[in-house]
Amino acid sequence: MAASSAATCRSWRGCRTKDKLIHAPWLAKPEQLADAGVKLGRDYPLPAVDHAVQRELALALFKR
């Protein structure tokens, strides 16, 4: 039986967020992070880019 992606992440990162947020904890509410004992930038890196912004920029470039 294969482990879930969230379980795999927990096993090597020690992530304590809910499964739904494990791959994007910066989307969690501050109280959810506090309950999970997670501090962004310490326990989990902050996102390098804002994907929504970069997507819009890329789409605008493709329209040229």
Protein backbone atom coordinates (compact mmCIF):
# COMPACT_ATOMS: atom_id res chain seq x y z
CA MET A 1 0.00 0.00 0.00
CA ALA A 2 1.46 3.37 -1.01
CA ALA A 3 1.67 6.13 1.56
CA SER A 4 -0.22 9.34 0.90
CA SER A 5 1.71 12.35 -0.29
CA ALA A 6 0.94 14.11 3.01
CA ALA A 7 2.20 11.15 5.04
CA THR A 8 5.40 11.06 3.01
CA CYS A 9 5.95 14.77 3.54
CA ARG A 10 5.39 14.38 7.27
CA SER A 11 7.88 11.54 7.47
CA TRP A 12 10.80 13.55 6.09
CA ARG A 13 9.86 17.14 6.86
CA GLY A 14 8.08 16.71 10.15
CA CYS A 15 5.15 18.76 8.84
CA ARG A 16 2.30 19.05 11.27
CA THR A 17 -0.29 20.90 9.18
CA LYS A 18 -3.53 19.34 8.02
CA ASP A 19 -3.29 17.20 4.87
CA LYS A 20 -5.14 19.83 2.84
CA LEU A 21 -2.50 22.46 3.64
CA ILE A 22 0.66 20.37 3.81
CA HIS A 23 1.96 21.43 0.38
CA ALA A 24 1.00 25.11 0.77
CA PRO A 25 0.96 25.99 4.46
CA TRP A 26 1.24 29.71 3.66
CA LEU A 27 -2.45 29.46 2.68
CA ALA A 28 -3.39 28.43 6.22
CA LYS A 29 -4.90 30.84 8.71
CA PRO A 30 -2.51 31.99 11.44
CA GLU A 31 -4.44 30.04 14.07
CA GLN A 32 -4.15 26.84 11.99
CA LEU A 33 -0.38 27.28 11.81
CA ALA A 34 -0.22 27.98 15.55
CA ASP A 35 -2.27 24.85 16.32
CA ALA A 36 0.11 22.80 14.16
CA GLY A 37 3.17 24.40 15.79
CA VAL A 38 4.36 25.67 12.41
CA LYS A 39 6.14 28.98 11.88
CA LEU A 40 6.60 29.93 8.25
CA GLY A 41 10.18 30.73 7.43
CA ARG A 42 11.40 28.50 10.26
CA ASP A 43 9.58 25.17 9.92
CA TYR A 44 8.59 25.55 6.30
CA PRO A 45 10.09 27.92 3.71
CA LEU A 46 8.12 30.89 2.52
CA PRO A 47 7.06 30.73 -1.14
CA ALA A 48 9.70 32.06 -3.51
CA VAL A 49 7.13 33.57 -5.88
CA ASP A 50 3.45 34.39 -5.88
CA HIS A 51 2.23 31.87 -8.44
CA ALA A 52 -0.99 33.76 -9.17
CA VAL A 53 0.95 36.93 -10.03
CA GLN A 54 3.55 35.06 -12.09
CA ARG A 55 0.80 33.21 -13.97
CA GLU A 56 -0.83 36.49 -14.99
CA LEU A 57 2.52 37.89 -16.13
CA ALA A 58 3.25 34.79 -18.18
CA LEU A 59 -0.19 34.85 -19.82
CA ALA A 60 0.28 38.51 -20.73
CA LEU A 61 3.64 37.71 -22.32
CA PHE A 62 2.15 34.84 -24.33
CA LYS A 63 -0.54 37.17 -25.72
CA ARG A 64 2.07 39.44 -27.31
